[in-house]
Amino acid sequence: MDQKNYVVIGGSSGIGLEIIRQLSAQGHTVIAGSRTQGKLEGLSGVSHFVVDTAIAAPPAETLPKTVHGLVYCPGTIRLRPFRSLKQEDFMEDYQVNVLGAVRSIQACLAALKKADGGAAIVLFSTVAVQTGMPFHSSIASAKGAVEGLTRSLAAELAPKIRVNAIAPSLTETPLAAALIDSDEKRKAANNRHPLQRIGSAQEIAAAALHLLGEGGAWMTGQILHVDGGMGALRTFK
């Protein structure tokens, strides 16, 4: 496999970190942007720059001249009753999930267009957009906008740049730790899924690498549901 340049935003932990690990293991060059370096130190071919894309775009001087793939991983989990949410909560979720992705894509767009054979963008949604869930109104609203952005950009940037999104269900990451921090919570979370368990960062990262690589070369404008069956199935026993 030819060495390629990938930019991963939000790669210091969780799914983003696992994506970087898998890209590094394949011999690619990865430029990771996040607020902290996390566990990136020592990974082969990986460099890091500090950025908070909720308020600023990745600095141009940190990016390579050619980018073969961009992955935007930052997200939020704000699960509250609608009555207790303030407009500022909705705005914060929108800033992190949507406008952060917009800033990152705009910063990388010229470099993505230079990639021989085309480039790929991978964004992240959530199963809660397709499947209505209580207490998800703020995050589902923001991720719904991500899905709209995905399809719109896929049409606008075709055929040179493919744009897809992954919509996971609950995945074992630091961001979700408070939702599975007891045996009772974990068991309940597992039982909500037809496959009877929550997802792993490795599984979601594998889906992202598929969309970035040759296996996903004929996919664009898609929302890939990697959710243990939650978005499509109901099991009755």
C-alpha atoms as a PDB file:
ATOM      1  CA  MET A   1       0.000   0.000   0.000  1.00  0.00           C
ATOM      2  CA  ASP A   2       1.315   3.430  -0.992  1.00  0.00           C
ATOM      3  CA  GLN A   3       2.084   5.805   1.851  1.00  0.00           C
ATOM      4  CA  LYS A   4      -0.494   8.573   2.089  1.00  0.00           C
ATOM      5  CA  ASN A   5      -1.083  11.697   4.160  1.00  0.00           C
ATOM      6  CA  TYR A   6      -4.061  11.750   6.510  1.00  0.00           C
ATOM      7  CA  VAL A   7      -5.335  14.502   8.779  1.00  0.00           C
ATOM      8  CA  VAL A   8      -7.272  13.346  11.818  1.00  0.00           C
ATOM      9  CA  ILE A   9      -8.939  15.984  13.970  1.00  0.00           C
ATOM     10  CA  GLY A  10      -9.754  14.948  17.529  1.00  0.00           C
ATOM     11  CA  GLY A  11      -7.300  12.068  17.567  1.00  0.00           C
ATOM     12  CA  SER A  12      -5.884  12.105  21.076  1.00  0.00           C
ATOM     13  CA  SER A  13      -8.310   9.558  22.535  1.00  0.00           C
ATOM     14  CA  GLY A  14     -11.157   7.195  21.758  1.00  0.00           C
ATOM     15  CA  ILE A  15     -12.127   6.486  18.158  1.00  0.00           C
ATOM     16  CA  GLY A  16      -9.790   9.131  16.734  1.00  0.00           C
ATOM     17  CA  LEU A  17      -6.800   7.651  18.522  1.00  0.00           C
ATOM     18  CA  GLU A  18      -7.651   4.181  17.248  1.00  0.00           C
ATOM     19  CA  ILE A  19      -7.984   5.487  13.683  1.00  0.00           C
ATOM     20  CA  ILE A  20      -4.528   7.018  13.985  1.00  0.00           C
ATOM     21  CA  ARG A  21      -3.087   3.799  15.388  1.00  0.00           C
ATOM     22  CA  GLN A  22      -4.472   1.781  12.487  1.00  0.00           C
ATOM     23  CA  LEU A  23      -3.275   4.282   9.867  1.00  0.00           C
ATOM     24  CA  SER A  24       0.159   4.379  11.506  1.00  0.00           C
ATOM     25  CA  ALA A  25       0.333   0.571  11.502  1.00  0.00           C
ATOM     26  CA  GLN A  26      -0.300   0.638   7.744  1.00  0.00           C
ATOM     27  CA  GLY A  27       2.684   2.945   7.239  1.00  0.00           C
ATOM     28  CA  HIS A  28       0.824   6.157   6.483  1.00  0.00           C
ATOM     29  CA  THR A  29       1.720   9.676   7.601  1.00  0.00           C
ATOM     30  CA  VAL A  30      -0.820  11.119  10.028  1.00  0.00           C
ATOM     31  CA  ILE A  31      -1.156  14.727  11.106  1.00  0.00           C
ATOM     32  CA  ALA A  32      -3.294  14.795  14.233  1.00  0.00           C
ATOM     33  CA  GLY A  33      -4.982  17.897  15.590  1.00  0.00           C
ATOM     34  CA  SER A  34      -6.523  18.083  19.046  1.00  0.00           C
ATOM     35  CA  ARG A  35      -6.515  20.134  22.219  1.00  0.00           C
ATOM     36  CA  THR A  36      -4.051  17.753  23.893  1.00  0.00           C
ATOM     37  CA  GLN A  37      -1.549  15.212  22.605  1.00  0.00           C
ATOM     38  CA  GLY A  38      -2.997  12.392  24.680  1.00  0.00           C
ATOM     39  CA  LYS A  39      -1.482   9.005  23.834  1.00  0.00           C
ATOM     40  CA  LEU A  40      -0.087   9.931  20.422  1.00  0.00           C
ATOM     41  CA  GLU A  41       3.542  10.124  21.439  1.00  0.00           C
ATOM     42  CA  GLY A  42       5.679   7.368  19.980  1.00  0.00           C
ATOM     43  CA  LEU A  43       3.350   6.359  17.141  1.00  0.00           C
ATOM     44  CA  SER A  44       5.277   5.950  13.881  1.00  0.00           C
ATOM     45  CA  GLY A  45       4.657   8.603  11.242  1.00  0.00           C
ATOM     46  CA  VAL A  46       2.385  10.660  13.495  1.00  0.00           C
ATOM     47  CA  SER A  47       2.787  14.353  14.256  1.00  0.00           C
ATOM     48  CA  HIS A  48       0.544  16.525  16.409  1.00  0.00           C
ATOM     49  CA  PHE A  49      -0.611  20.112  16.490  1.00  0.00           C
ATOM     50  CA  VAL A  50      -2.789  21.842  19.063  1.00  0.00           C
ATOM     51  CA  VAL A  51      -6.185  23.076  17.910  1.00  0.00           C
ATOM     52  CA  ASP A  52      -9.682  23.556  19.286  1.00  0.00           C
ATOM     53  CA  THR A  53     -11.812  23.427  16.152  1.00  0.00           C
ATOM     54  CA  ALA A  54     -14.876  24.576  18.088  1.00  0.00           C
ATOM     55  CA  ILE A  55     -13.320  28.043  17.950  1.00  0.00           C
ATOM     56  CA  ALA A  56     -10.555  27.952  15.314  1.00  0.00           C
ATOM     57  CA  ALA A  57      -9.555  26.250  12.077  1.00  0.00           C
ATOM     58  CA  PRO A  58      -6.468  24.044  11.837  1.00  0.00           C
ATOM     59  CA  PRO A  59      -3.499  26.362  11.077  1.00  0.00           C
ATOM     60  CA  ALA A  60      -2.450  26.161   7.443  1.00  0.00           C
ATOM     61  CA  GLU A  61       1.239  25.799   8.316  1.00  0.00           C
ATOM     62  CA  THR A  62       0.572  22.529  10.155  1.00  0.00           C
ATOM     63  CA  LEU A  63      -1.026  20.799   7.156  1.00  0.00           C
ATOM     64  CA  PRO A  64       0.739  18.960   4.317  1.00  0.00           C
ATOM     65  CA  LYS A  65       0.428  20.273   0.779  1.00  0.00           C
ATOM     66  CA  THR A  66      -1.390  17.105  -0.256  1.00  0.00           C
ATOM     67  CA  VAL A  67      -3.982  15.353   1.910  1.00  0.00           C
ATOM     68  CA  HIS A  68      -5.448  12.000   0.886  1.00  0.00           C
ATOM     69  CA  GLY A  69      -7.959  11.787   3.698  1.00  0.00           C
ATOM     70  CA  LEU A  70      -9.514  13.886   6.452  1.00  0.00           C
ATOM     71  CA  VAL A  71     -11.313  12.447   9.470  1.00  0.00           C
ATOM     72  CA  TYR A  72     -13.198  14.726  11.846  1.00  0.00           C
ATOM     73  CA  CYS A  73     -13.814  12.985  15.184  1.00  0.00           C
ATOM     74  CA  PRO A  74     -14.699  15.577  17.869  1.00  0.00           C
ATOM     75  CA  GLY A  75     -18.136  15.098  19.365  1.00  0.00           C
ATOM     76  CA  THR A  76     -20.298  15.698  22.393  1.00  0.00           C
ATOM     77  CA  ILE A  77     -22.680  13.615  24.490  1.00  0.00           C
ATOM     78  CA  ARG A  78     -25.132  15.986  26.136  1.00  0.00           C
ATOM     79  CA  LEU A  79     -28.036  13.808  27.292  1.00  0.00           C
ATOM     80  CA  ARG A  80     -30.560  15.973  29.128  1.00  0.00           C
ATOM     81  CA  PRO A  81     -34.311  16.496  29.162  1.00  0.00           C
ATOM     82  CA  PHE A  82     -35.325  19.059  26.565  1.00  0.00           C
ATOM     83  CA  ARG A  83     -36.846  21.299  29.236  1.00  0.00           C
ATOM     84  CA  SER A  84     -33.451  21.713  30.919  1.00  0.00           C
ATOM     85  CA  LEU A  85     -31.472  22.524  27.781  1.00  0.00           C
ATOM     86  CA  LYS A  86     -30.536  26.121  27.072  1.00  0.00           C
ATOM     87  CA  GLN A  87     -29.907  27.685  23.690  1.00  0.00           C
ATOM     88  CA  GLU A  88     -26.235  27.832  24.628  1.00  0.00           C
ATOM     89  CA  ASP A  89     -26.189  24.029  24.912  1.00  0.00           C
ATOM     90  CA  PHE A  90     -27.523  23.653  21.387  1.00  0.00           C
ATOM     91  CA  MET A  91     -25.007  26.205  20.120  1.00  0.00           C
ATOM     92  CA  GLU A  92     -22.080  24.459  21.807  1.00  0.00           C
ATOM     93  CA  ASP A  93     -23.045  21.105  20.296  1.00  0.00           C
ATOM     94  CA  TYR A  94     -23.377  22.765  16.892  1.00  0.00           C
ATOM     95  CA  GLN A  95     -20.010  24.481  17.219  1.00  0.00           C
ATOM     96  CA  VAL A  96     -18.167  21.273  18.102  1.00  0.00           C
ATOM     97  CA  ASN A  97     -19.925  18.836  15.783  1.00  0.00           C
ATOM     98  CA  VAL A  98     -20.819  20.927  12.741  1.00  0.00           C
ATOM     99  CA  LEU A  99     -18.837  24.154  12.542  1.00  0.00           C
ATOM    100  CA  GLY A 100     -15.668  22.414  13.727  1.00  0.00           C
ATOM    101  CA  ALA A 101     -16.059  20.007  10.810  1.00  0.00           C
ATOM    102  CA  VAL A 102     -16.711  22.913   8.443  1.00  0.00           C
ATOM    103  CA  ARG A 103     -13.572  24.734   9.615  1.00  0.00           C
ATOM    104  CA  SER A 104     -11.463  21.593   9.245  1.00  0.00           C
ATOM    105  CA  ILE A 105     -12.756  20.748   5.782  1.00  0.00           C
ATOM    106  CA  GLN A 106     -12.259  24.298   4.539  1.00  0.00           C
ATOM    107  CA  ALA A 107      -8.703  24.324   5.908  1.00  0.00           C
ATOM    108  CA  CYS A 108      -7.849  21.046   4.146  1.00  0.00           C
ATOM    109  CA  LEU A 109      -9.874  21.442   0.958  1.00  0.00           C
ATOM    110  CA  ALA A 110      -7.120  22.711  -1.335  1.00  0.00           C
ATOM    111  CA  ALA A 111      -4.773  19.937  -0.183  1.00  0.00           C
ATOM    112  CA  LEU A 112      -7.495  17.295  -0.614  1.00  0.00           C
ATOM    113  CA  LYS A 113      -8.047  18.419  -4.209  1.00  0.00           C
ATOM    114  CA  LYS A 114      -4.356  17.808  -4.969  1.00  0.00           C
ATOM    115  CA  ALA A 115      -4.475  14.101  -4.095  1.00  0.00           C
ATOM    116  CA  ASP A 116      -3.833  11.872  -7.091  1.00  0.00           C
ATOM    117  CA  GLY A 117      -6.663   9.410  -7.520  1.00  0.00           C
ATOM    118  CA  GLY A 118      -8.987  11.398  -5.306  1.00  0.00           C
ATOM    119  CA  ALA A 119      -9.372  11.918  -1.581  1.00  0.00           C
ATOM    120  CA  ALA A 120     -11.839  11.062   1.154  1.00  0.00           C
ATOM    121  CA  ILE A 121     -13.515  12.838   4.052  1.00  0.00           C
ATOM    122  CA  VAL A 122     -15.049  10.915   6.955  1.00  0.00           C
ATOM    123  CA  LEU A 123     -17.367  12.602   9.451  1.00  0.00           C
ATOM    124  CA  PHE A 124     -19.267  11.245  12.442  1.00  0.00           C
ATOM    125  CA  SER A 125     -22.996  11.227  13.114  1.00  0.00           C
ATOM    126  CA  THR A 126     -24.952   9.106  15.617  1.00  0.00           C
ATOM    127  CA  VAL A 127     -27.641   6.436  15.549  1.00  0.00           C
ATOM    128  CA  ALA A 128     -29.837   8.946  17.405  1.00  0.00           C
ATOM    129  CA  VAL A 129     -30.432  10.923  14.197  1.00  0.00           C
ATOM    130  CA  GLN A 130     -32.269   8.067  12.498  1.00  0.00           C
ATOM    131  CA  THR A 131     -33.724   6.562  15.672  1.00  0.00           C
ATOM    132  CA  GLY A 132     -35.551   8.962  17.955  1.00  0.00           C
ATOM    133  CA  MET A 133     -34.255   8.710  21.505  1.00  0.00           C
ATOM    134  CA  PRO A 134     -35.239  10.686  24.589  1.00  0.00           C
ATOM    135  CA  PHE A 135     -32.773  13.242  25.974  1.00  0.00           C
ATOM    136  CA  HIS A 136     -30.868  13.416  22.652  1.00  0.00           C
ATOM    137  CA  SER A 137     -32.481  16.540  21.166  1.00  0.00           C
ATOM    138  CA  SER A 138     -29.370  18.718  21.199  1.00  0.00           C
ATOM    139  CA  ILE A 139     -26.819  16.198  19.952  1.00  0.00           C
ATOM    140  CA  ALA A 140     -29.239  14.636  17.448  1.00  0.00           C
ATOM    141  CA  SER A 141     -29.961  18.083  16.031  1.00  0.00           C
ATOM    142  CA  ALA A 142     -26.259  18.794  15.569  1.00  0.00           C
ATOM    143  CA  LYS A 143     -25.469  15.388  14.101  1.00  0.00           C
ATOM    144  CA  GLY A 144     -28.473  15.698  11.780  1.00  0.00           C
ATOM    145  CA  ALA A 145     -26.748  18.769  10.394  1.00  0.00           C
ATOM    146  CA  VAL A 146     -23.567  16.699   9.960  1.00  0.00           C
ATOM    147  CA  GLU A 147     -25.521  14.208   7.843  1.00  0.00           C
ATOM    148  CA  GLY A 148     -26.876  17.037   5.697  1.00  0.00           C
ATOM    149  CA  LEU A 149     -23.369  18.439   5.322  1.00  0.00           C
ATOM    150  CA  THR A 150     -22.089  15.001   4.331  1.00  0.00           C
ATOM    151  CA  ARG A 151     -24.568  14.559   1.490  1.00  0.00           C
ATOM    152  CA  SER A 152     -24.315  18.133   0.251  1.00  0.00           C
ATOM    153  CA  LEU A 153     -20.506  18.101   0.112  1.00  0.00           C
ATOM    154  CA  ALA A 154     -20.473  14.644  -1.461  1.00  0.00           C
ATOM    155  CA  ALA A 155     -22.516  16.050  -4.350  1.00  0.00           C
ATOM    156  CA  GLU A 156     -20.504  19.265  -4.594  1.00  0.00           C
ATOM    157  CA  LEU A 157     -17.042  17.694  -4.401  1.00  0.00           C
ATOM    158  CA  ALA A 158     -17.655  14.632  -6.597  1.00  0.00           C
ATOM    159  CA  PRO A 159     -15.894  13.026  -8.355  1.00  0.00           C
ATOM    160  CA  LYS A 160     -12.583  14.208  -6.870  1.00  0.00           C
ATOM    161  CA  ILE A 161     -13.409  13.953  -3.154  1.00  0.00           C
ATOM    162  CA  ARG A 162     -15.645  11.356  -1.518  1.00  0.00           C
ATOM    163  CA  VAL A 163     -17.559  12.367   1.621  1.00  0.00           C
ATOM    164  CA  ASN A 164     -19.168   9.854   3.972  1.00  0.00           C
ATOM    165  CA  ALA A 165     -20.163   9.677   7.636  1.00  0.00           C
ATOM    166  CA  ILE A 166     -20.302   6.944  10.251  1.00  0.00           C
ATOM    167  CA  ALA A 167     -23.259   6.782  12.639  1.00  0.00           C
ATOM    168  CA  PRO A 168     -22.282   4.678  15.652  1.00  0.00           C
ATOM    169  CA  SER A 169     -24.306   3.746  18.671  1.00  0.00           C
ATOM    170  CA  LEU A 170     -22.779   3.792  22.142  1.00  0.00           C
ATOM    171  CA  THR A 171     -19.100   2.946  21.904  1.00  0.00           C
ATOM    172  CA  GLU A 172     -16.595   2.313  24.673  1.00  0.00           C
ATOM    173  CA  THR A 173     -14.581   5.535  24.681  1.00  0.00           C
ATOM    174  CA  PRO A 174     -13.583   8.131  27.294  1.00  0.00           C
ATOM    175  CA  LEU A 175     -16.378  10.387  26.000  1.00  0.00           C
ATOM    176  CA  ALA A 176     -18.966   7.740  26.885  1.00  0.00           C
ATOM    177  CA  ALA A 177     -17.394   6.648  30.168  1.00  0.00           C
ATOM    178  CA  ALA A 178     -20.084   8.176  32.387  1.00  0.00           C
ATOM    179  CA  LEU A 179     -22.758   6.163  30.579  1.00  0.00           C
ATOM    180  CA  ILE A 180     -21.154   2.789  31.344  1.00  0.00           C
ATOM    181  CA  ASP A 181     -19.395   3.423  34.655  1.00  0.00           C
ATOM    182  CA  SER A 182     -21.222   0.706  36.591  1.00  0.00           C
ATOM    183  CA  ASP A 183     -22.141  -2.901  35.966  1.00  0.00           C
ATOM    184  CA  GLU A 184     -25.817  -1.960  35.889  1.00  0.00           C
ATOM    185  CA  LYS A 185     -25.336   0.788  33.302  1.00  0.00           C
ATOM    186  CA  ARG A 186     -23.137  -1.402  31.105  1.00  0.00           C
ATOM    187  CA  LYS A 187     -25.615  -4.297  31.222  1.00  0.00           C
ATOM    188  CA  ALA A 188     -28.500  -2.002  30.312  1.00  0.00           C
ATOM    189  CA  ALA A 189     -26.504  -0.480  27.447  1.00  0.00           C
ATOM    190  CA  ASN A 190     -25.561  -3.917  26.134  1.00  0.00           C
ATOM    191  CA  ASN A 191     -29.162  -5.136  26.293  1.00  0.00           C
ATOM    192  CA  ARG A 192     -30.466  -2.200  24.245  1.00  0.00           C
ATOM    193  CA  HIS A 193     -28.560  -3.459  21.200  1.00  0.00           C
ATOM    194  CA  PRO A 194     -29.678  -6.433  19.088  1.00  0.00           C
ATOM    195  CA  LEU A 195     -26.084  -7.713  19.188  1.00  0.00           C
ATOM    196  CA  GLN A 196     -26.220  -7.462  22.982  1.00  0.00           C
ATOM    197  CA  ARG A 197     -23.138  -5.328  23.474  1.00  0.00           C
ATOM    198  CA  ILE A 198     -21.857  -1.820  22.893  1.00  0.00           C
ATOM    199  CA  GLY A 199     -19.257  -1.077  20.231  1.00  0.00           C
ATOM    200  CA  SER A 200     -15.498  -0.735  20.474  1.00  0.00           C
ATOM    201  CA  ALA A 201     -13.255   2.033  19.197  1.00  0.00           C
ATOM    202  CA  GLN A 202     -11.415  -0.557  17.089  1.00  0.00           C
ATOM    203  CA  GLU A 203     -14.615  -1.517  15.261  1.00  0.00           C
ATOM    204  CA  ILE A 204     -15.574   2.066  14.468  1.00  0.00           C
ATOM    205  CA  ALA A 205     -12.008   2.850  13.374  1.00  0.00           C
ATOM    206  CA  ALA A 206     -12.042  -0.135  11.008  1.00  0.00           C
ATOM    207  CA  ALA A 207     -15.158   1.287   9.353  1.00  0.00           C
ATOM    208  CA  ALA A 208     -13.441   4.666   8.977  1.00  0.00           C
ATOM    209  CA  LEU A 209     -10.400   3.056   7.346  1.00  0.00           C
ATOM    210  CA  HIS A 210     -12.703   1.236   4.943  1.00  0.00           C
ATOM    211  CA  LEU A 211     -14.234   4.553   3.872  1.00  0.00           C
ATOM    212  CA  LEU A 212     -10.792   6.134   3.513  1.00  0.00           C
ATOM    213  CA  GLY A 213      -9.291   3.282   1.494  1.00  0.00           C
ATOM    214  CA  GLU A 214      -9.797   1.378  -1.722  1.00  0.00           C
ATOM    215  CA  GLY A 215     -12.574  -0.725  -0.209  1.00  0.00           C
ATOM    216  CA  GLY A 216     -14.764   2.374   0.002  1.00  0.00           C
ATOM    217  CA  ALA A 217     -13.692   3.880  -3.309  1.00  0.00           C
ATOM    218  CA  TRP A 218     -17.210   3.649  -4.799  1.00  0.00           C
ATOM    219  CA  MET A 219     -18.978   5.092  -1.771  1.00  0.00           C
ATOM    220  CA  THR A 220     -19.891   8.731  -1.322  1.00  0.00           C
ATOM    221  CA  GLY A 221     -22.740  10.583   0.323  1.00  0.00           C
ATOM    222  CA  GLN A 222     -23.427   7.617   2.600  1.00  0.00           C
ATOM    223  CA  ILE A 223     -24.212   7.405   6.307  1.00  0.00           C
ATOM    224  CA  LEU A 224     -22.701   4.118   7.425  1.00  0.00           C
ATOM    225  CA  HIS A 225     -24.496   2.711  10.469  1.00  0.00           C
ATOM    226  CA  VAL A 226     -22.142   0.782  12.742  1.00  0.00           C
ATOM    227  CA  ASP A 227     -24.458   0.453  15.693  1.00  0.00           C
ATOM    228  CA  GLY A 228     -24.947  -3.143  16.780  1.00  0.00           C
ATOM    229  CA  GLY A 229     -28.244  -3.214  14.891  1.00  0.00           C
ATOM    230  CA  MET A 230     -29.888  -0.529  17.001  1.00  0.00           C
ATOM    231  CA  GLY A 231     -30.807   1.734  14.075  1.00  0.00           C
ATOM    232  CA  ALA A 232     -32.513  -0.931  11.992  1.00  0.00           C
ATOM    233  CA  LEU A 233     -33.653  -3.847  14.144  1.00  0.00           C
ATOM    234  CA  ARG A 234     -36.059  -4.634  16.931  1.00  0.00           C
ATOM    235  CA  THR A 235     -35.672  -8.009  18.577  1.00  0.00           C
ATOM    236  CA  PHE A 236     -38.556  -9.530  20.505  1.00  0.00           C
ATOM    237  CA  LYS A 237     -38.216 -12.570  22.750  1.00  0.00           C
END
